Amino acid sequence: GLVLANNGEVSIGRNKKRFIKSLVYKFSINQISEPEKSYLSGYLSFCWSVEPDFISRLKKKYGEMVINNLMGNGQS
């Protein structure tokens, strides 16, 4: 789902962002199941189309290589 922010822009919402960050962290320490990884990969692609700034912040925090690998455009 999407959320309409106070400034009138569309967002994925704070709770969903927290959930995604927790999955990215689990992925970064290799403690994520294959179904969770698939879900996360798809959701990150969705987030990129809705809120690309969120993906940029994830790249700064967890590293560009980690996020690119999750989104399928990194080199494994």
Protein backbone atom coordinates (compact mmCIF):
# COMPACT_ATOMS: atom_id res chain seq x y z
CA GLY A 1 0.00 0.00 0.00
CA LEU A 2 0.88 3.61 -0.36
CA VAL A 3 0.54 6.51 2.06
CA LEU A 4 -0.13 10.16 1.30
CA ALA A 5 2.40 12.22 3.28
CA ASN A 6 1.60 15.55 4.93
CA ASN A 7 3.36 17.39 2.11
CA GLY A 8 1.07 15.76 -0.45
CA GLU A 9 3.65 13.32 -1.82
CA VAL A 10 3.15 9.58 -2.09
CA SER A 11 5.20 7.41 0.27
CA ILE A 12 5.43 3.77 1.24
CA GLY A 13 4.93 4.70 4.89
CA ARG A 14 7.08 4.71 8.00
CA ASN A 15 6.15 1.23 9.23
CA LYS A 16 6.88 -0.41 5.89
CA LYS A 17 10.21 1.43 5.69
CA ARG A 18 11.19 0.13 9.12
CA PHE A 19 10.24 -3.40 8.10
CA ILE A 20 12.26 -3.13 4.88
CA LYS A 21 15.28 -1.76 6.77
CA SER A 22 15.13 -4.72 9.16
CA LEU A 23 15.12 -7.15 6.22
CA VAL A 24 18.02 -5.33 4.53
CA TYR A 25 19.97 -5.56 7.79
CA LYS A 26 19.22 -9.29 8.06
CA PHE A 27 20.39 -9.70 4.45
CA SER A 28 23.60 -7.78 5.17
CA ILE A 29 24.48 -10.24 7.95
CA ASN A 30 23.37 -13.30 5.93
CA GLN A 31 20.42 -14.16 8.15
CA ILE A 32 17.58 -14.00 5.68
CA SER A 33 15.63 -16.85 4.12
CA GLU A 34 15.31 -17.23 0.36
CA PRO A 35 11.57 -16.34 0.38
CA GLU A 36 12.31 -13.21 2.45
CA LYS A 37 15.07 -12.25 0.01
CA SER A 38 12.71 -12.63 -2.95
CA TYR A 39 10.05 -10.55 -1.21
CA LEU A 40 12.60 -7.87 -0.31
CA SER A 41 14.01 -7.75 -3.82
CA GLY A 42 10.57 -7.17 -5.32
CA TYR A 43 9.59 -4.63 -2.70
CA LEU A 44 12.79 -2.64 -3.20
CA SER A 45 12.00 -2.43 -6.91
CA PHE A 46 8.52 -1.19 -6.04
CA CYS A 47 10.00 1.36 -3.62
CA TRP A 48 12.38 2.57 -6.33
CA SER A 49 9.41 3.45 -8.54
CA VAL A 50 7.50 5.20 -5.73
CA GLU A 51 10.19 6.74 -3.54
CA PRO A 52 13.71 6.59 -5.04
CA ASP A 53 15.13 8.75 -2.23
CA PHE A 54 14.44 5.91 0.20
CA ILE A 55 16.57 3.56 -1.93
CA SER A 56 19.34 6.18 -2.02
CA ARG A 57 19.28 6.38 1.78
CA LEU A 58 19.48 2.59 2.03
CA LYS A 59 22.50 2.61 -0.29
CA LYS A 60 24.24 5.16 1.94
CA LYS A 61 23.50 3.18 5.10
CA TYR A 62 24.07 -0.41 3.95
CA GLY A 63 26.30 0.10 0.93
CA GLU A 64 25.48 0.40 -2.73
CA MET A 65 26.65 -3.15 -3.47
CA VAL A 66 24.24 -4.69 -0.93
CA ILE A 67 21.21 -2.85 -2.31
CA ASN A 68 22.20 -3.44 -5.94
CA ASN A 69 22.60 -7.18 -5.25
CA LEU A 70 19.13 -7.25 -3.70
CA MET A 71 17.58 -5.36 -6.60
CA GLY A 72 19.16 -7.70 -9.13
CA ASN A 73 21.43 -5.18 -10.81
CA GLY A 74 24.58 -5.92 -8.86
CA GLN A 75 27.27 -8.43 -9.54
CA SER A 76 27.01 -11.44 -7.26
